[in-house]
Structures are given as structure tokens and as C-alpha cells.
Amino acid sequence: MDPEHIHPITKEKGAPRVYFLVRTNTYPMGVFELLKELRAQKREKLAEGVFSDTRDPSVVDHSYDAFRYLIAARPSVARTPKTNKYDPSTFMGYSNWSKREKERRQRAAKSRGGRQNDY
């Protein structure tokens, strides 16, 4: 569950990022095989109560592997860009802007070797 993700139907925050359509008459191409394989996955047993990190090779995993590759290939969630804490039309907003602008100009002057602007 992603606390910031909005559910596509209820429009509420706190929704999963992946949804499955179960196979029905309406959706004959539902993910029946994937769900069956996800439920069947288990780890290889080494000893009583001890399991390895590898999956049991006797369990069919074609759909599972395709789903795993899909999830691994998905880009990470985009981050919201930082915004100014203060509205630029306020005193604090203008003060923050002027500080950033002064620092930007100092960095630009330093990269030009200390020369001033031509304007």
C-alpha cells in the first residue's frame, strides 16, 4: 500500500500500485494463471523448518516470472518537486528568493573567474 497513491475508483489516498482483474465472463483475459501461481509459490525446503532463498523448482512459475520482471522494470514513483515554502509575493518569499538569487550570481561570477556581468 502506498499512502500517497490515490485509488482509481474511490479517489482516496492509501491504495496499492498494482491491481489484478480476476477472470470472469466479462474479463476472460483475467489473471487466473498468475494468481494461481502466486498462491502456489514456495521456497525450497532444506531441512525441517529451514528454507532456502530459492523457489521450489517443482512449482510452475511462467506467469510469476513475467510478473516479477514487469515489477522490476517499473520506474520508481516520481517524487514531487520541492516548492518554495513561502509565496514570493510575501516578505519571507521575496527574502528567500533574493538570497538564492545572490548565491546564484556569486556562483556564476566564480565560474567566470570573478568577472562582472556585461549588462
Foldseek 3Di string as FASTA:
>chain_A
DAQQDADPPVRHGDDDPDDWDQDDPVRPPTDPVQVVLVVVWDFDDDDVVDGDPHIDPVRDCPSVVVVVVVVVPDDDDDDDDDDDPDDCVDPVNVVVVVVVVVVVLVVVCVVVVNDDDPD
